[in-house]
PDB file of N, CA and C in Angstrom:
ATOM      1  N   MET A   1     -14.622   8.444   9.765  1.00  0.00           N
ATOM      2  CA  MET A   1     -14.407   8.133   8.341  1.00  0.00           C
ATOM      3  C   MET A   1     -13.128   8.792   7.856  1.00  0.00           C
ATOM      4  N   LYS A   2     -12.621   9.786   8.624  1.00  0.00           N
ATOM      5  CA  LYS A   2     -11.437  10.509   8.146  1.00  0.00           C
ATOM      6  C   LYS A   2     -10.189   9.618   8.213  1.00  0.00           C
ATOM      7  N   LYS A   3     -10.051   8.860   9.305  1.00  0.00           N
ATOM      8  CA  LYS A   3      -8.832   8.047   9.497  1.00  0.00           C
ATOM      9  C   LYS A   3      -8.755   6.893   8.475  1.00  0.00           C
ATOM     10  N   PRO A   4      -9.823   6.108   8.234  1.00  0.00           N
ATOM     11  CA  PRO A   4      -9.716   5.054   7.232  1.00  0.00           C
ATOM     12  C   PRO A   4      -9.364   5.619   5.851  1.00  0.00           C
ATOM     13  N   PHE A   5      -9.940   6.769   5.494  1.00  0.00           N
ATOM     14  CA  PHE A   5      -9.610   7.363   4.191  1.00  0.00           C
ATOM     15  C   PHE A   5      -8.175   7.763   4.141  1.00  0.00           C
ATOM     16  N   LEU A   6      -7.661   8.342   5.234  1.00  0.00           N
ATOM     17  CA  LEU A   6      -6.251   8.765   5.285  1.00  0.00           C
ATOM     18  C   LEU A   6      -5.294   7.570   5.137  1.00  0.00           C
ATOM     19  N   TYR A   7      -5.635   6.472   5.813  1.00  0.00           N
ATOM     20  CA  TYR A   7      -4.765   5.284   5.784  1.00  0.00           C
ATOM     21  C   TYR A   7      -4.815   4.667   4.353  1.00  0.00           C
ATOM     22  N   ALA A   8      -5.939   4.619   3.743  1.00  0.00           N
ATOM     23  CA  ALA A   8      -6.054   4.065   2.396  1.00  0.00           C
ATOM     24  C   ALA A   8      -5.351   4.978   1.387  1.00  0.00           C
ATOM     25  N   LEU A   9      -5.478   6.330   1.591  1.00  0.00           N
ATOM     26  CA  LEU A   9      -4.783   7.284   0.724  1.00  0.00           C
ATOM     27  C   LEU A   9      -3.266   7.151   0.857  1.00  0.00           C
ATOM     28  N   VAL A  10      -2.799   7.034   2.082  1.00  0.00           N
ATOM     29  CA  VAL A  10      -1.338   6.851   2.252  1.00  0.00           C
ATOM     30  C   VAL A  10      -0.860   5.564   1.551  1.00  0.00           C
ATOM     31  N   ALA A  11      -1.645   4.530   1.650  1.00  0.00           N
ATOM     32  CA  ALA A  11      -1.263   3.258   0.960  1.00  0.00           C
ATOM     33  C   ALA A  11      -1.207   3.472  -0.530  1.00  0.00           C
ATOM     34  N   ALA A  12      -2.193   4.154  -1.088  1.00  0.00           N
ATOM     35  CA  ALA A  12      -2.228   4.389  -2.543  1.00  0.00           C
ATOM     36  C   ALA A  12      -1.083   5.304  -2.988  1.00  0.00           C
ATOM     37  N   VAL A  13      -0.785   6.329  -2.204  1.00  0.00           N
ATOM     38  CA  VAL A  13       0.300   7.259  -2.516  1.00  0.00           C
ATOM     39  C   VAL A  13       1.662   6.548  -2.434  1.00  0.00           C
ATOM     40  N   TYR A  14       1.787   5.641  -1.418  1.00  0.00           N
ATOM     41  CA  TYR A  14       2.984   4.824  -1.304  1.00  0.00           C
ATOM     42  C   TYR A  14       3.227   3.985  -2.550  1.00  0.00           C
ATOM     43  N   ILE A  15       2.172   3.337  -3.014  1.00  0.00           N
ATOM     44  CA  ILE A  15       2.288   2.519  -4.217  1.00  0.00           C
ATOM     45  C   ILE A  15       2.641   3.324  -5.433  1.00  0.00           C
ATOM     46  N   VAL A  16       1.927   4.444  -5.607  1.00  0.00           N
ATOM     47  CA  VAL A  16       2.198   5.334  -6.787  1.00  0.00           C
ATOM     48  C   VAL A  16       3.626   5.835  -6.769  1.00  0.00           C
ATOM     49  N   THR A  17       4.121   6.240  -5.582  1.00  0.00           N
ATOM     50  CA  THR A  17       5.496   6.737  -5.398  1.00  0.00           C
ATOM     51  C   THR A  17       6.501   5.664  -5.751  1.00  0.00           C
ATOM     52  N   LEU A  18       6.306   4.448  -5.234  1.00  0.00           N
ATOM     53  CA  LEU A  18       7.232   3.354  -5.568  1.00  0.00           C
ATOM     54  C   LEU A  18       7.297   3.082  -7.035  1.00  0.00           C
ATOM     55  N   VAL A  19       6.126   2.970  -7.674  1.00  0.00           N
ATOM     56  CA  VAL A  19       6.052   2.706  -9.085  1.00  0.00           C
ATOM     57  C   VAL A  19       6.732   3.772  -9.925  1.00  0.00           C
ATOM     58  N   LEU A  20       6.477   5.027  -9.553  1.00  0.00           N
ATOM     59  CA  LEU A  20       7.131   6.142 -10.277  1.00  0.00           C
ATOM     60  C   LEU A  20       8.627   6.158 -10.101  1.00  0.00           C
ATOM     61  N   LEU A  21       9.101   5.846  -8.874  1.00  0.00           N
ATOM     62  CA  LEU A  21      10.532   5.782  -8.629  1.00  0.00           C
ATOM     63  C   LEU A  21      11.187   4.619  -9.411  1.00  0.00           C
ATOM     64  N   ILE A  22      10.571   3.459  -9.363  1.00  0.00           N
ATOM     65  CA  ILE A  22      11.143   2.313 -10.064  1.00  0.00           C
ATOM     66  C   ILE A  22      11.109   2.524 -11.603  1.00  0.00           C
ATOM     67  N   ASN A  23       9.993   3.085 -12.099  1.00  0.00           N
ATOM     68  CA  ASN A  23       9.898   3.357 -13.553  1.00  0.00           C
ATOM     69  C   ASN A  23      10.966   4.371 -13.966  1.00  0.00           C
ATOM     70  N   THR A  24      11.131   5.384 -13.201  1.00  0.00           N
ATOM     71  CA  THR A  24      12.137   6.422 -13.531  1.00  0.00           C
ATOM     72  C   THR A  24      13.548   5.814 -13.462  1.00  0.00           C
ATOM     73  N   ALA A  25      13.820   5.069 -12.405  1.00  0.00           N
ATOM     74  CA  ALA A  25      15.166   4.477 -12.242  1.00  0.00           C
ATOM     75  C   ALA A  25      15.490   3.481 -13.367  1.00  0.00           C
ATOM     76  N   THR A  26      14.496   2.725 -13.806  1.00  0.00           N
ATOM     77  CA  THR A  26      14.791   1.728 -14.852  1.00  0.00           C
ATOM     78  C   THR A  26      14.996   2.400 -16.220  1.00  0.00           C
ATOM     79  N   SER A  27      14.457   3.593 -16.410  1.00  0.00           N
ATOM     80  CA  SER A  27      14.669   4.279 -17.703  1.00  0.00           C
ATOM     81  C   SER A  27      15.969   5.097 -17.643  1.00  0.00           C
ATOM     82  N   ILE A  28      16.448   5.467 -16.472  1.00  0.00           N
ATOM     83  CA  ILE A  28      17.625   6.317 -16.377  1.00  0.00           C
ATOM     84  C   ILE A  28      18.918   5.438 -16.186  1.00  0.00           C
ATOM     85  N   LEU A  29      18.828   4.533 -15.251  1.00  0.00           N
ATOM     86  CA  LEU A  29      20.026   3.731 -14.895  1.00  0.00           C
ATOM     87  C   LEU A  29      20.215   2.541 -15.853  1.00  0.00           C
ATOM     88  N   PRO A  30      21.449   2.185 -16.086  1.00  0.00           N
ATOM     89  CA  PRO A  30      21.654   1.054 -16.971  1.00  0.00           C
ATOM     90  C   PRO A  30      21.273  -0.262 -16.266  1.00  0.00           C
ATOM     91  N   SER A  31      20.775  -1.214 -17.037  1.00  0.00           N
ATOM     92  CA  SER A  31      20.332  -2.469 -16.490  1.00  0.00           C
ATOM     93  C   SER A  31      21.548  -3.376 -16.235  1.00  0.00           C
ATOM     94  N   LYS A  32      21.609  -3.859 -15.008  1.00  0.00           N
ATOM     95  CA  LYS A  32      22.698  -4.779 -14.574  1.00  0.00           C
ATOM     96  C   LYS A  32      22.078  -6.097 -14.035  1.00  0.00           C
ATOM     97  N   ASP A  33      22.614  -7.213 -14.474  1.00  0.00           N
ATOM     98  CA  ASP A  33      22.151  -8.492 -13.934  1.00  0.00           C
ATOM     99  C   ASP A  33      23.202  -8.880 -12.921  1.00  0.00           C
ATOM    100  N   ASN A  34      22.880  -8.670 -11.647  1.00  0.00           N
ATOM    101  CA  ASN A  34      23.765  -9.151 -10.560  1.00  0.00           C
ATOM    102  C   ASN A  34      22.958  -9.541  -9.369  1.00  0.00           C
ATOM    103  N   ILE A  35      23.614  -9.988  -8.362  1.00  0.00           N
ATOM    104  CA  ILE A  35      22.975 -10.521  -7.188  1.00  0.00           C
ATOM    105  C   ILE A  35      22.255  -9.473  -6.361  1.00  0.00           C
ATOM    106  N   VAL A  36      22.640  -8.197  -6.501  1.00  0.00           N
ATOM    107  CA  VAL A  36      22.057  -7.142  -5.667  1.00  0.00           C
ATOM    108  C   VAL A  36      20.620  -6.872  -6.020  1.00  0.00           C
ATOM    109  N   MET A  37      20.231  -6.942  -7.286  1.00  0.00           N
ATOM    110  CA  MET A  37      18.855  -6.633  -7.692  1.00  0.00           C
ATOM    111  C   MET A  37      17.828  -7.495  -6.981  1.00  0.00           C
ATOM    112  N   PRO A  38      17.993  -8.807  -6.993  1.00  0.00           N
ATOM    113  CA  PRO A  38      16.998  -9.636  -6.252  1.00  0.00           C
ATOM    114  C   PRO A  38      16.942  -9.282  -4.779  1.00  0.00           C
ATOM    115  N   MET A  39      18.128  -8.968  -4.160  1.00  0.00           N
ATOM    116  CA  MET A  39      18.139  -8.615  -2.765  1.00  0.00           C
ATOM    117  C   MET A  39      17.367  -7.265  -2.547  1.00  0.00           C
ATOM    118  N   ALA A  40      17.583  -6.351  -3.435  1.00  0.00           N
ATOM    119  CA  ALA A  40      16.931  -5.052  -3.311  1.00  0.00           C
ATOM    120  C   ALA A  40      15.351  -5.240  -3.446  1.00  0.00           C
ATOM    121  N   MET A  41      14.922  -6.047  -4.456  1.00  0.00           N
ATOM    122  CA  MET A  41      13.483  -6.258  -4.681  1.00  0.00           C
ATOM    123  C   MET A  41      12.851  -7.046  -3.520  1.00  0.00           C
ATOM    124  N   LEU A  42      13.566  -7.994  -2.963  1.00  0.00           N
ATOM    125  CA  LEU A  42      12.993  -8.707  -1.847  1.00  0.00           C
ATOM    126  C   LEU A  42      12.926  -7.790  -0.607  1.00  0.00           C
ATOM    127  N   SER A  43      13.940  -6.987  -0.444  1.00  0.00           N
ATOM    128  CA  SER A  43      13.896  -5.993   0.703  1.00  0.00           C
ATOM    129  C   SER A  43      12.779  -5.007   0.487  1.00  0.00           C
ATOM    130  N   LEU A  44      12.556  -4.591  -0.739  1.00  0.00           N
ATOM    131  CA  LEU A  44      11.417  -3.647  -1.005  1.00  0.00           C
ATOM    132  C   LEU A  44      10.094  -4.338  -0.720  1.00  0.00           C
ATOM    133  N   PHE A  45       9.990  -5.607  -1.051  1.00  0.00           N
ATOM    134  CA  PHE A  45       8.773  -6.366  -0.763  1.00  0.00           C
ATOM    135  C   PHE A  45       8.532  -6.427   0.746  1.00  0.00           C
ATOM    136  N   VAL A  46       9.561  -6.746   1.492  1.00  0.00           N
ATOM    137  CA  VAL A  46       9.404  -6.843   2.972  1.00  0.00           C
ATOM    138  C   VAL A  46       9.056  -5.506   3.531  1.00  0.00           C
ATOM    139  N   LEU A  47       9.644  -4.422   3.083  1.00  0.00           N
ATOM    140  CA  LEU A  47       9.360  -3.061   3.499  1.00  0.00           C
ATOM    141  C   LEU A  47       7.864  -2.745   3.202  1.00  0.00           C
ATOM    142  N   SER A  48       7.434  -3.105   2.018  1.00  0.00           N
ATOM    143  CA  SER A  48       6.055  -2.810   1.645  1.00  0.00           C
ATOM    144  C   SER A  48       5.031  -3.594   2.472  1.00  0.00           C
ATOM    145  N   VAL A  49       5.347  -4.832   2.723  1.00  0.00           N
ATOM    146  CA  VAL A  49       4.484  -5.624   3.594  1.00  0.00           C
ATOM    147  C   VAL A  49       4.389  -4.993   5.020  1.00  0.00           C
ATOM    148  N   ALA A  50       5.504  -4.489   5.553  1.00  0.00           N
ATOM    149  CA  ALA A  50       5.481  -3.837   6.837  1.00  0.00           C
ATOM    150  C   ALA A  50       4.681  -2.566   6.814  1.00  0.00           C
ATOM    151  N   VAL A  51       4.860  -1.762   5.778  1.00  0.00           N
ATOM    152  CA  VAL A  51       4.105  -0.483   5.689  1.00  0.00           C
ATOM    153  C   VAL A  51       2.605  -0.777   5.530  1.00  0.00           C
ATOM    154  N   MET A  52       2.248  -1.673   4.635  1.00  0.00           N
ATOM    155  CA  MET A  52       0.842  -1.954   4.403  1.00  0.00           C
ATOM    156  C   MET A  52       0.246  -2.662   5.635  1.00  0.00           C
ATOM    157  N   GLY A  53       1.023  -3.504   6.296  1.00  0.00           N
ATOM    158  CA  GLY A  53       0.533  -4.138   7.509  1.00  0.00           C
ATOM    159  C   GLY A  53       0.174  -3.099   8.575  1.00  0.00           C
ATOM    160  N   PHE A  54       1.062  -2.110   8.701  1.00  0.00           N
ATOM    161  CA  PHE A  54       0.804  -1.059   9.674  1.00  0.00           C
ATOM    162  C   PHE A  54      -0.463  -0.278   9.282  1.00  0.00           C
ATOM    163  N   LEU A  55      -0.541   0.101   8.003  1.00  0.00           N
ATOM    164  CA  LEU A  55      -1.667   0.959   7.558  1.00  0.00           C
ATOM    165  C   LEU A  55      -2.968   0.227   7.661  1.00  0.00           C
ATOM    166  N   PHE A  56      -2.997  -1.028   7.354  1.00  0.00           N
ATOM    167  CA  PHE A  56      -4.259  -1.782   7.301  1.00  0.00           C
ATOM    168  C   PHE A  56      -4.640  -2.465   8.633  1.00  0.00           C
ATOM    169  N   PHE A  57      -3.650  -2.861   9.425  1.00  0.00           N
ATOM    170  CA  PHE A  57      -3.926  -3.707  10.587  1.00  0.00           C
ATOM    171  C   PHE A  57      -3.695  -3.111  11.942  1.00  0.00           C
ATOM    172  N   TYR A  58      -2.845  -2.064  12.028  1.00  0.00           N
ATOM    173  CA  TYR A  58      -2.470  -1.588  13.385  1.00  0.00           C
ATOM    174  C   TYR A  58      -3.688  -1.032  14.122  1.00  0.00           C
ATOM    175  N   GLU A  59      -4.431  -0.151  13.570  1.00  0.00           N
ATOM    176  CA  GLU A  59      -5.574   0.476  14.215  1.00  0.00           C
ATOM    177  C   GLU A  59      -6.674  -0.588  14.470  1.00  0.00           C
ATOM    178  N   PRO A  60      -7.075  -1.394  13.590  1.00  0.00           N
ATOM    179  CA  PRO A  60      -8.062  -2.401  13.891  1.00  0.00           C
ATOM    180  C   PRO A  60      -7.610  -3.363  14.988  1.00  0.00           C
ATOM    181  N   LEU A  61      -6.320  -3.785  14.989  1.00  0.00           N
ATOM    182  CA  LEU A  61      -5.809  -4.629  16.013  1.00  0.00           C
ATOM    183  C   LEU A  61      -5.858  -3.941  17.362  1.00  0.00           C
ATOM    184  N   SER A  62      -5.450  -2.680  17.390  1.00  0.00           N
ATOM    185  CA  SER A  62      -5.547  -1.935  18.644  1.00  0.00           C
ATOM    186  C   SER A  62      -6.977  -1.896  19.217  1.00  0.00           C
ATOM    187  N   LEU A  63      -7.939  -1.600  18.329  1.00  0.00           N
ATOM    188  CA  LEU A  63      -9.323  -1.551  18.739  1.00  0.00           C
ATOM    189  C   LEU A  63      -9.779  -2.946  19.179  1.00  0.00           C
ATOM    190  N   PHE A  64      -9.354  -3.993  18.487  1.00  0.00           N
ATOM    191  CA  PHE A  64      -9.730  -5.382  18.903  1.00  0.00           C
ATOM    192  C   PHE A  64      -9.178  -5.708  20.258  1.00  0.00           C
ATOM    193  N   ILE A  65      -7.968  -5.319  20.543  1.00  0.00           N
ATOM    194  CA  ILE A  65      -7.384  -5.632  21.854  1.00  0.00           C
ATOM    195  C   ILE A  65      -8.088  -4.891  22.978  1.00  0.00           C
ATOM    196  N   GLU A  66      -8.624  -3.715  22.618  1.00  0.00           N
ATOM    197  CA  GLU A  66      -9.384  -2.942  23.612  1.00  0.00           C
ATOM    198  C   GLU A  66     -10.846  -3.429  23.731  1.00  0.00           C
ATOM    199  N   ASN A  67     -11.114  -4.594  23.185  1.00  0.00           N
ATOM    200  CA  ASN A  67     -12.463  -5.226  23.214  1.00  0.00           C
ATOM    201  C   ASN A  67     -13.491  -4.368  22.454  1.00  0.00           C
ATOM    202  N   LYS A  68     -13.061  -3.658  21.495  1.00  0.00           N
ATOM    203  CA  LYS A  68     -13.932  -2.865  20.571  1.00  0.00           C
ATOM    204  C   LYS A  68     -13.987  -3.641  19.238  1.00  0.00           C
ATOM    205  N   ARG A  69     -14.528  -4.820  19.285  1.00  0.00           N
ATOM    206  CA  ARG A  69     -14.492  -5.693  18.103  1.00  0.00           C
ATOM    207  C   ARG A  69     -15.236  -5.144  16.965  1.00  0.00           C
ATOM    208  N   ARG A  70     -16.474  -4.632  17.225  1.00  0.00           N
ATOM    209  CA  ARG A  70     -17.289  -4.034  16.144  1.00  0.00           C
ATOM    210  C   ARG A  70     -16.587  -2.865  15.462  1.00  0.00           C
ATOM    211  N   GLU A  71     -16.031  -2.016  16.245  1.00  0.00           N
ATOM    212  CA  GLU A  71     -15.340  -0.863  15.689  1.00  0.00           C
ATOM    213  C   GLU A  71     -14.099  -1.288  14.897  1.00  0.00           C
ATOM    214  N   ALA A  72     -13.424  -2.370  15.415  1.00  0.00           N
ATOM    215  CA  ALA A  72     -12.233  -2.843  14.700  1.00  0.00           C
ATOM    216  C   ALA A  72     -12.585  -3.376  13.281  1.00  0.00           C
ATOM    217  N   VAL A  73     -13.683  -4.192  13.273  1.00  0.00           N
ATOM    218  CA  VAL A  73     -14.082  -4.731  11.953  1.00  0.00           C
ATOM    219  C   VAL A  73     -14.547  -3.651  11.025  1.00  0.00           C
ATOM    220  N   LEU A  74     -15.351  -2.678  11.543  1.00  0.00           N
ATOM    221  CA  LEU A  74     -15.814  -1.598  10.698  1.00  0.00           C
ATOM    222  C   LEU A  74     -14.665  -0.787  10.174  1.00  0.00           C
ATOM    223  N   PHE A  75     -13.693  -0.473  11.014  1.00  0.00           N
ATOM    224  CA  PHE A  75     -12.519   0.310  10.610  1.00  0.00           C
ATOM    225  C   PHE A  75     -11.756  -0.416   9.486  1.00  0.00           C
ATOM    226  N   PHE A  76     -11.519  -1.717   9.741  1.00  0.00           N
ATOM    227  CA  PHE A  76     -10.807  -2.498   8.697  1.00  0.00           C
ATOM    228  C   PHE A  76     -11.600  -2.528   7.405  1.00  0.00           C
ATOM    229  N   ALA A  77     -12.883  -2.726   7.487  1.00  0.00           N
ATOM    230  CA  ALA A  77     -13.746  -2.808   6.272  1.00  0.00           C
ATOM    231  C   ALA A  77     -13.724  -1.451   5.550  1.00  0.00           C
ATOM    232  N   LYS A  78     -13.755  -0.360   6.301  1.00  0.00           N
ATOM    233  CA  LYS A  78     -13.688   0.948   5.658  1.00  0.00           C
ATOM    234  C   LYS A  78     -12.380   1.155   4.917  1.00  0.00           C
ATOM    235  N   VAL A  79     -11.264   0.847   5.588  1.00  0.00           N
ATOM    236  CA  VAL A  79      -9.952   1.019   4.956  1.00  0.00           C
ATOM    237  C   VAL A  79      -9.875   0.163   3.685  1.00  0.00           C
ATOM    238  N   ILE A  80     -10.297  -1.089   3.751  1.00  0.00           N
ATOM    239  CA  ILE A  80     -10.237  -1.971   2.575  1.00  0.00           C
ATOM    240  C   ILE A  80     -11.168  -1.462   1.517  1.00  0.00           C
ATOM    241  N   GLY A  81     -12.320  -1.048   1.885  1.00  0.00           N
ATOM    242  CA  GLY A  81     -13.329  -0.542   0.897  1.00  0.00           C
ATOM    243  C   GLY A  81     -12.808   0.728   0.206  1.00  0.00           C
ATOM    244  N   ILE A  82     -12.242   1.623   0.962  1.00  0.00           N
ATOM    245  CA  ILE A  82     -11.706   2.838   0.338  1.00  0.00           C
ATOM    246  C   ILE A  82     -10.529   2.547  -0.557  1.00  0.00           C
ATOM    247  N   PHE A  83      -9.707   1.638  -0.080  1.00  0.00           N
ATOM    248  CA  PHE A  83      -8.520   1.228  -0.904  1.00  0.00           C
ATOM    249  C   PHE A  83      -9.016   0.580  -2.165  1.00  0.00           C
ATOM    250  N   ALA A  84     -10.048  -0.227  -2.125  1.00  0.00           N
ATOM    251  CA  ALA A  84     -10.605  -0.855  -3.300  1.00  0.00           C
ATOM    252  C   ALA A  84     -11.086   0.197  -4.302  1.00  0.00           C
ATOM    253  N   CYS A  85     -11.601   1.294  -3.791  1.00  0.00           N
ATOM    254  CA  CYS A  85     -11.967   2.404  -4.679  1.00  0.00           C
ATOM    255  C   CYS A  85     -10.750   2.999  -5.408  1.00  0.00           C
ATOM    256  N   PHE A  86      -9.626   3.155  -4.679  1.00  0.00           N
ATOM    257  CA  PHE A  86      -8.416   3.607  -5.328  1.00  0.00           C
ATOM    258  C   PHE A  86      -7.939   2.601  -6.350  1.00  0.00           C
ATOM    259  N   LEU A  87      -8.060   1.318  -6.064  1.00  0.00           N
ATOM    260  CA  LEU A  87      -7.727   0.278  -7.045  1.00  0.00           C
ATOM    261  C   LEU A  87      -8.584   0.378  -8.275  1.00  0.00           C
ATOM    262  N   LEU A  88      -9.858   0.646  -8.104  1.00  0.00           N
ATOM    263  CA  LEU A  88     -10.762   0.839  -9.248  1.00  0.00           C
ATOM    264  C   LEU A  88     -10.303   2.032 -10.091  1.00  0.00           C
ATOM    265  N   ILE A  89      -9.945   3.099  -9.421  1.00  0.00           N
ATOM    266  CA  ILE A  89      -9.436   4.261 -10.189  1.00  0.00           C
ATOM    267  C   ILE A  89      -8.162   3.891 -10.980  1.00  0.00           C
ATOM    268  N   PHE A  90      -7.268   3.129 -10.389  1.00  0.00           N
ATOM    269  CA  PHE A  90      -6.060   2.703 -11.097  1.00  0.00           C
ATOM    270  C   PHE A  90      -6.443   1.864 -12.305  1.00  0.00           C
ATOM    271  N   VAL A  91      -7.367   0.925 -12.170  1.00  0.00           N
ATOM    272  CA  VAL A  91      -7.757   0.058 -13.209  1.00  0.00           C
ATOM    273  C   VAL A  91      -8.410   0.890 -14.359  1.00  0.00           C
ATOM    274  N   VAL A  92      -9.215   1.834 -14.020  1.00  0.00           N
ATOM    275  CA  VAL A  92      -9.847   2.700 -15.027  1.00  0.00           C
ATOM    276  C   VAL A  92      -8.768   3.495 -15.768  1.00  0.00           C
ATOM    277  N   LEU A  93      -7.772   3.979 -15.000  1.00  0.00           N
ATOM    278  CA  LEU A  93      -6.680   4.727 -15.650  1.00  0.00           C
ATOM    279  C   LEU A  93      -5.885   3.871 -16.646  1.00  0.00           C
ATOM    280  N   VAL A  94      -5.806   2.543 -16.341  1.00  0.00           N
ATOM    281  CA  VAL A  94      -5.073   1.665 -17.209  1.00  0.00           C
ATOM    282  C   VAL A  94      -5.730   1.657 -18.579  1.00  0.00           C
ATOM    283  N   PHE A  95      -7.050   1.686 -18.637  1.00  0.00           N
ATOM    284  CA  PHE A  95      -7.764   1.649 -19.871  1.00  0.00           C
ATOM    285  C   PHE A  95      -7.900   2.998 -20.553  1.00  0.00           C
ATOM    286  N   LEU A  96      -7.732   4.045 -19.802  1.00  0.00           N
ATOM    287  CA  LEU A  96      -7.778   5.409 -20.369  1.00  0.00           C
ATOM    288  C   LEU A  96      -6.430   5.909 -20.924  1.00  0.00           C
ATOM    289  N   ILE A  97      -5.369   5.399 -20.304  1.00  0.00           N
ATOM    290  CA  ILE A  97      -4.012   5.930 -20.744  1.00  0.00           C
ATOM    291  C   ILE A  97      -3.352   4.953 -21.670  1.00  0.00           C
TER     292      ILE A  97
END
């Protein structure tokens, strides 16, 4: 149970960090409409997909390839379930703040 929690926690911390950085940058830096911003956002999206793909799929895929299908599904379900709990916390915070 330790590893799925750690993977879900890293995903949540990654999201919080990105949002805080973007929020801080938009309040400090002047707004510019140019071609670079869409490139940066698309690159950030691709990076995020790679990070989340690793956190959510690498371990279950490794287990699946080792013919540990049950463990792979359970691991994946645990990571998704724990991450869903973090999502619930974020939603509750939206209504409290």
